[in-house]
Amino acid sequence: MTIQLRHPEKAKKPDSVIPRKPKWIRKKKIESAEYYETRRLMRDHGLTTVCEEAACPNIGECWSQRHATMMIMGETCTRGCSFCNVSTGKPDALDVFEPGRVAQAVKKLGLRHVVITSVDRDDLADGGADHIAQTIRAVRHQTPDTTIEVLTPDFLGKGNAADAVFEAAPDVFNHNLETVPHLYPRVRPGARYYTSLRLLDDAKRANPQMFTKSGLMVGLGESMNDVRQVMDDMRAANVDFLTVGQYLQPTPKHHPIDRFWTPEEFAQLEQIARGKGFLGVSATPLTRSSFHADEDFAALKQARQQSLAAGT
C-alpha cells in the first residue's frame, strides 16, 4: 500500500527540535457530550474543519460550545506554507453540494455566528471565490439570522476573483497576513505580503460596512518593531480587527519556533494595537482567527456604534 505524505514538500527538510511549551500555553483536554455531538454532525455532513486539520489547541473548548470552523473546498491545499499543518498536494474536484451541507450543519448546530475558511485552490481559475460566495448564500438562505465570517485565501493571480466574495457580503471578511514581510519567503513562499494587504483594502473599499479582520502569528522570528509596522500597514488598509497568537510548531519538519512570547508581551501588543485604532483586538498566546469569533463580532458591532456616536 502506498502511503501519501501529508506534507510532501517538507519531507526533505531537516528536523528541528520542538521546544517544551511554557505553562501559559498548555491546555487541558476537553471532551464533553457537546464535543462529540459537534464531531458527529461534521462527520454526518461530510464536512472538514480547520479545527482538526490545523491541529488547533482550542478544539476542545470550541466544540464543547458547539462551535466549529468549517473548512471548505476539500482538505488538501495547493500551497506549502512552512507553518501550516493542513495537507499539501493535488486537491479533488469541488463538491457542488458542499455549500448546502455547510448550511444544514450551521442550522443544526444553532450557530449565531459561523466562521467558514478554506484551503488555497490555486488549481481553480477563480481560486474558489465563487464556491465561497455560494456557501455564504446557502447559509443565508437556511439561517438568515446567522452572521457569517469568511477566512479566505489570497486569490493570488486570479484577477478580480475576490469580487464574488465581496458581492456575497459576509458580515466579516478575514484574510490573515500571518507574519511580517521579511519572513514571507520562508513562512509563506507561495504568497505575497502586499497582495494580501491589498485584498484587505479591496474588501473594505468594496463594502465599507463589512468588517475586515486579519491575524498574525508570533514566534517565527519577528521583532516587536516588525509587528508594529504590520499593524500600521493593516490600519492603512482600514482593517477593523486584529488577532495575534503564538505560533506552535506542528512537527519537526515545520518552521522552527524562534521563541515563546510571554503573556505580558501579548498584553503589550493589545495595548499598542488599540492605540493604533483597531476596533477590536485579540492578542493572547492561544488566540486563533476563529477563537471566540461570535463574542468578538458582538464586540466589533458595539465598538463601531460607540465610534460613530463619538464622531471618530
Protein backbone atom coordinates (compact mmCIF):
# COMPACT_ATOMS: atom_id res chain seq x y z
CA MET A 1 0.00 0.00 0.00
CA THR A 2 1.31 3.46 -0.96
CA ILE A 3 1.28 5.95 1.90
CA GLN A 4 0.56 9.52 0.83
CA LEU A 5 2.66 12.02 2.75
CA ARG A 6 0.68 14.77 4.46
CA HIS A 7 3.42 17.31 3.72
CA PRO A 8 5.47 16.04 0.74
CA GLU A 9 7.08 19.46 0.25
CA LYS A 10 8.58 19.25 3.75
CA ALA A 11 9.85 15.65 3.57
CA LYS A 12 13.46 16.59 2.77
CA LYS A 13 13.68 19.45 5.26
CA PRO A 14 15.92 18.86 8.27
CA ASP A 15 14.21 18.17 11.58
CA SER A 16 14.21 20.85 14.25
CA VAL A 17 13.60 20.21 17.92
CA ILE A 18 10.16 21.24 19.14
CA PRO A 19 10.72 23.05 22.45
CA ARG A 20 8.65 22.27 25.52
CA LYS A 21 5.65 24.55 25.84
CA PRO A 22 5.65 27.01 28.74
CA LYS A 23 2.88 26.74 31.33
CA TRP A 24 0.81 29.53 29.78
CA ILE A 25 0.50 27.54 26.51
CA ARG A 26 -0.61 24.20 27.93
CA LYS A 27 -4.31 23.49 27.81
CA LYS A 28 -6.39 20.73 29.36
CA LYS A 29 -8.15 18.33 27.00
CA ILE A 30 -11.92 18.89 26.99
CA GLU A 31 -14.22 16.18 25.63
CA SER A 32 -17.85 16.76 26.63
CA ALA A 33 -21.09 15.36 25.24
CA GLU A 34 -21.38 18.54 23.15
CA TYR A 35 -17.86 17.96 21.81
CA TYR A 36 -18.80 14.51 20.49
CA GLU A 37 -22.12 15.78 19.13
CA THR A 38 -20.32 18.51 17.17
CA ARG A 39 -17.87 15.95 15.79
CA ARG A 40 -20.74 13.63 14.81
CA LEU A 41 -22.51 16.44 12.96
CA MET A 42 -19.36 17.23 10.99
CA ARG A 43 -18.94 13.56 10.05
CA ASP A 44 -22.62 13.08 9.17
CA HIS A 45 -22.50 16.05 6.78
CA GLY A 46 -19.16 15.04 5.27
CA LEU A 47 -17.55 18.30 6.37
CA THR A 48 -13.93 19.16 7.13
CA THR A 49 -12.97 21.52 9.95
CA VAL A 50 -9.84 23.60 10.23
CA CYS A 51 -10.02 22.80 13.95
CA GLU A 52 -8.84 19.26 13.19
CA GLU A 53 -6.76 19.84 10.05
CA ALA A 54 -4.69 22.63 11.61
CA ALA A 55 -4.44 20.86 14.99
CA CYS A 56 -5.92 23.85 16.82
CA PRO A 57 -5.22 23.85 20.58
CA ASN A 58 -8.70 25.27 21.28
CA ILE A 59 -10.72 22.48 19.66
CA GLY A 60 -11.96 21.03 22.95
CA GLU A 61 -13.30 24.33 24.23
CA CYS A 62 -14.87 25.37 20.91
CA TRP A 63 -16.51 22.06 20.09
CA SER A 64 -17.87 21.78 23.62
CA GLN A 65 -19.66 25.07 22.90
CA ARG A 66 -20.86 23.65 19.54
CA HIS A 67 -18.60 26.00 17.60
CA ALA A 68 -16.68 24.58 14.64
CA THR A 69 -14.89 26.39 11.82
CA MET A 70 -15.89 24.79 8.51
CA MET A 71 -13.06 24.29 6.01
CA ILE A 72 -14.49 24.09 2.51
CA MET A 73 -13.12 23.07 -0.90
CA GLY A 74 -11.50 19.91 0.43
CA GLU A 75 -8.78 19.09 2.93
CA THR A 76 -5.80 19.35 0.55
CA CYS A 77 -4.12 22.71 -0.05
CA THR A 78 -2.14 23.68 -3.15
CA ARG A 79 0.29 25.75 -1.07
CA GLY A 80 3.09 24.55 1.20
CA CYS A 81 3.42 27.20 3.92
CA SER A 82 6.13 26.19 6.38
CA PHE A 83 3.96 26.80 9.47
CA CYS A 84 0.78 25.03 8.36
CA ASN A 85 -0.42 21.54 9.29
CA VAL A 86 -3.02 21.24 6.50
CA SER A 87 -2.20 18.56 3.90
CA THR A 88 -0.47 19.70 0.71
CA GLY A 89 -0.99 18.17 -2.73
CA LYS A 90 -3.38 17.96 -5.66
CA PRO A 91 -6.94 18.56 -4.45
CA ASP A 92 -10.08 16.76 -5.60
CA ALA A 93 -12.70 18.46 -7.74
CA LEU A 94 -15.07 20.82 -5.94
CA ASP A 95 -18.18 19.29 -4.40
CA VAL A 96 -21.14 21.28 -5.72
CA PHE A 97 -23.32 20.06 -2.83
CA GLU A 98 -20.92 21.26 -0.12
CA PRO A 99 -22.43 24.77 0.33
CA GLY A 100 -25.80 23.16 1.13
CA ARG A 101 -24.27 20.72 3.62
CA VAL A 102 -22.46 23.55 5.39
CA ALA A 103 -25.73 25.47 5.66
CA GLN A 104 -27.52 22.42 7.07
CA ALA A 105 -24.80 21.89 9.70
CA VAL A 106 -24.96 25.55 10.72
CA LYS A 107 -28.72 25.21 11.19
CA LYS A 108 -28.43 22.00 13.24
CA LEU A 109 -25.72 23.49 15.44
CA GLY A 110 -27.89 26.57 16.01
CA LEU A 111 -24.99 28.93 15.36
CA ARG A 112 -25.48 32.66 15.84
CA HIS A 113 -22.15 33.28 14.09
CA VAL A 114 -20.27 30.94 11.76
CA VAL A 115 -16.69 31.03 10.50
CA ILE A 116 -16.05 29.48 7.09
CA THR A 117 -12.50 29.05 5.86
CA SER A 118 -10.88 27.13 3.03
CA VAL A 119 -7.70 25.68 1.66
CA ASP A 120 -5.87 27.53 -1.12
CA ARG A 121 -7.08 26.34 -4.53
CA ASP A 122 -4.53 27.69 -6.99
CA ASP A 123 -5.72 24.97 -9.42
CA LEU A 124 -9.04 26.78 -9.94
CA ALA A 125 -9.44 29.70 -12.33
CA ASP A 126 -11.06 31.84 -9.63
CA GLY A 127 -9.24 30.32 -6.65
CA GLY A 128 -12.59 29.04 -5.36
CA ALA A 129 -14.13 32.50 -4.90
CA ASP A 130 -17.48 31.55 -6.43
CA HIS A 131 -17.69 28.42 -4.23
CA ILE A 132 -17.12 30.58 -1.14
CA ALA A 133 -19.80 33.01 -2.33
CA GLN A 134 -22.24 30.13 -2.90
CA THR A 135 -21.60 28.88 0.63
CA ILE A 136 -22.32 32.33 2.07
CA ARG A 137 -25.61 32.48 0.14
CA ALA A 138 -26.58 28.93 1.19
CA VAL A 139 -26.10 29.75 4.88
CA ARG A 140 -28.08 32.98 4.49
CA HIS A 141 -30.92 31.04 2.90
CA GLN A 142 -31.05 28.38 5.64
CA THR A 143 -30.42 30.62 8.66
CA PRO A 144 -30.96 34.30 7.77
CA ASP A 145 -30.16 35.47 11.30
CA THR A 146 -26.73 33.80 11.44
CA THR A 147 -23.87 36.22 10.92
CA ILE A 148 -21.15 34.96 8.59
CA GLU A 149 -17.38 35.34 8.76
CA VAL A 150 -15.16 34.07 5.96
CA LEU A 151 -11.42 33.48 6.21
CA THR A 152 -10.28 33.38 2.59
CA PRO A 153 -7.19 32.59 0.52
CA ASP A 154 -5.38 35.46 -1.20
CA PHE A 155 -6.64 34.65 -4.75
CA LEU A 156 -3.11 35.40 -5.99
CA GLY A 157 -3.02 35.73 -9.78
CA LYS A 158 -6.80 35.34 -10.10
CA GLY A 159 -7.63 38.86 -11.24
CA ASN A 160 -10.82 40.23 -9.71
CA ALA A 161 -12.00 36.83 -8.45
CA ALA A 162 -12.39 38.10 -4.88
CA ASP A 163 -15.19 40.42 -6.07
CA ALA A 164 -17.55 37.42 -5.99
CA VAL A 165 -16.92 37.05 -2.26
CA PHE A 166 -17.31 40.78 -1.62
CA GLU A 167 -20.63 40.79 -3.50
CA ALA A 168 -21.93 37.91 -1.35
CA ALA A 169 -21.46 40.37 1.55
CA PRO A 170 -20.27 38.30 4.51
CA ASP A 171 -20.53 40.16 7.81
CA VAL A 172 -16.77 39.74 8.37
CA PHE A 173 -14.11 39.34 5.68
CA ASN A 174 -10.96 37.83 7.16
CA HIS A 175 -7.64 37.22 5.45
CA ASN A 176 -4.59 36.56 7.57
CA LEU A 177 -1.25 38.21 6.84
CA GLU A 178 0.20 35.51 9.14
CA THR A 179 3.67 37.02 9.54
CA VAL A 180 5.88 40.03 8.85
CA PRO A 181 7.14 40.85 5.32
CA HIS A 182 10.76 39.72 5.64
CA LEU A 183 9.68 36.23 6.77
CA TYR A 184 7.38 35.59 3.79
CA PRO A 185 10.00 33.77 1.66
CA ARG A 186 10.44 31.19 4.43
CA VAL A 187 6.98 31.13 6.01
CA ARG A 188 4.56 31.85 3.13
CA PRO A 189 6.65 31.24 -0.02
CA GLY A 190 3.58 30.96 -2.25
CA ALA A 191 2.07 34.26 -1.06
CA ARG A 192 2.95 37.95 -1.37
CA TYR A 193 2.63 40.32 1.57
CA TYR A 194 1.35 43.29 -0.40
CA THR A 195 -1.11 41.15 -2.36
CA SER A 196 -2.64 40.05 0.94
CA LEU A 197 -2.67 43.62 2.24
CA ARG A 198 -4.30 44.85 -0.98
CA LEU A 199 -7.00 42.18 -0.70
CA LEU A 200 -7.99 43.51 2.72
CA ASP A 201 -8.03 47.06 1.37
CA ASP A 202 -10.15 45.98 -1.62
CA ALA A 203 -12.65 44.28 0.70
CA LYS A 204 -13.19 47.45 2.70
CA ARG A 205 -13.44 49.60 -0.43
CA ALA A 206 -15.97 47.19 -1.97
CA ASN A 207 -18.20 47.27 1.12
CA PRO A 208 -17.32 49.81 3.83
CA GLN A 209 -19.98 48.31 6.14
CA MET A 210 -18.34 44.88 6.06
CA PHE A 211 -15.94 44.31 8.95
CA THR A 212 -12.42 43.31 7.92
CA LYS A 213 -10.11 41.19 10.02
CA SER A 214 -6.56 39.85 9.84
CA GLY A 215 -4.23 37.84 12.01
CA LEU A 216 -0.58 37.32 12.83
CA MET A 217 1.44 34.58 14.47
CA VAL A 218 4.44 35.48 16.62
CA GLY A 219 7.36 33.25 17.48
CA LEU A 220 8.54 32.79 13.90
CA GLY A 221 11.50 35.16 14.11
CA GLU A 222 9.88 38.61 14.09
CA SER A 223 10.63 41.56 16.40
CA MET A 224 8.24 43.84 18.26
CA ASN A 225 9.03 46.62 15.77
CA ASP A 226 8.22 44.27 12.88
CA VAL A 227 4.79 43.64 14.38
CA ARG A 228 4.22 47.36 14.97
CA GLN A 229 4.88 48.04 11.28
CA VAL A 230 2.40 45.36 10.19
CA MET A 231 -0.19 46.92 12.48
CA ASP A 232 0.39 50.27 10.74
CA ASP A 233 0.01 48.60 7.33
CA MET A 234 -3.24 46.98 8.41
CA ARG A 235 -4.64 50.25 9.70
CA ALA A 236 -3.68 51.94 6.41
CA ALA A 237 -5.89 49.29 4.77
CA ASN A 238 -8.66 50.06 7.31
CA VAL A 239 -8.60 46.61 8.92
CA ASP A 240 -11.05 46.61 11.82
CA PHE A 241 -9.99 43.61 13.87
CA LEU A 242 -6.56 42.16 14.66
CA THR A 243 -5.75 38.74 16.10
CA VAL A 244 -2.28 37.80 17.36
CA GLY A 245 -1.39 34.35 18.65
CA GLN A 246 1.66 32.24 19.44
CA TYR A 247 2.95 30.00 16.63
CA LEU A 248 3.06 26.36 17.69
CA GLN A 249 5.22 24.03 15.59
CA PRO A 250 3.14 21.03 14.38
CA THR A 251 6.03 18.66 13.55
CA PRO A 252 9.86 18.69 13.45
CA LYS A 253 9.62 19.36 9.68
CA HIS A 254 7.71 22.60 10.11
CA HIS A 255 9.16 26.07 10.64
CA PRO A 256 11.06 26.08 13.94
CA ILE A 257 9.80 28.13 16.87
CA ASP A 258 12.05 31.14 17.40
CA ARG A 259 10.71 31.82 20.89
CA PHE A 260 7.57 31.87 23.02
CA TRP A 261 6.21 35.36 23.57
CA THR A 262 5.11 35.96 27.16
CA PRO A 263 1.57 36.87 28.30
CA GLU A 264 2.96 40.29 29.28
CA GLU A 265 4.20 40.85 25.72
CA PHE A 266 0.80 39.87 24.33
CA ALA A 267 -0.83 42.38 26.68
CA GLN A 268 1.59 44.99 25.33
CA LEU A 269 0.67 44.07 21.75
CA GLU A 270 -3.01 44.53 22.55
CA GLN A 271 -2.37 47.92 24.10
CA ILE A 272 -0.32 49.04 21.07
CA ALA A 273 -2.96 47.81 18.63
CA ARG A 274 -5.80 49.56 20.43
CA GLY A 275 -3.73 52.73 20.42
CA LYS A 276 -3.43 52.46 16.64
CA GLY A 277 -7.21 52.49 16.25
CA PHE A 278 -8.31 48.89 15.69
CA LEU A 279 -11.97 48.44 16.64
CA GLY A 280 -11.17 45.04 18.10
CA VAL A 281 -8.05 43.19 19.22
CA SER A 282 -7.45 39.66 20.47
CA ALA A 283 -3.83 39.09 21.47
CA THR A 284 -3.10 36.10 23.69
CA PRO A 285 -0.82 33.07 23.33
CA LEU A 286 -3.76 30.83 22.33
CA THR A 287 -5.60 33.34 20.13
CA ARG A 288 -6.59 31.91 16.76
CA SER A 289 -8.58 33.54 13.96
CA SER A 290 -11.90 31.95 14.82
CA PHE A 291 -11.49 31.50 18.58
CA HIS A 292 -14.40 33.28 20.33
CA ALA A 293 -15.35 34.74 16.94
CA ASP A 294 -19.00 35.14 17.92
CA GLU A 295 -18.11 37.18 21.00
CA ASP A 296 -15.59 39.19 19.00
CA PHE A 297 -18.22 40.02 16.38
CA ALA A 298 -20.61 41.31 19.03
CA ALA A 299 -17.80 43.45 20.47
CA LEU A 300 -16.96 44.76 16.98
CA LYS A 301 -20.50 45.94 16.39
CA GLN A 302 -20.58 47.67 19.76
CA ALA A 303 -17.21 49.34 19.15
CA ARG A 304 -18.36 50.65 15.78
CA GLN A 305 -21.54 52.07 17.31
CA GLN A 306 -19.54 53.79 20.04
CA SER A 307 -17.09 55.15 17.46
CA LEU A 308 -19.91 56.55 15.32
CA ALA A 309 -21.59 58.06 18.38
CA ALA A 310 -18.33 59.75 19.33
CA GLY A 311 -17.89 61.04 15.77
CA THR A 312 -14.48 59.40 15.29
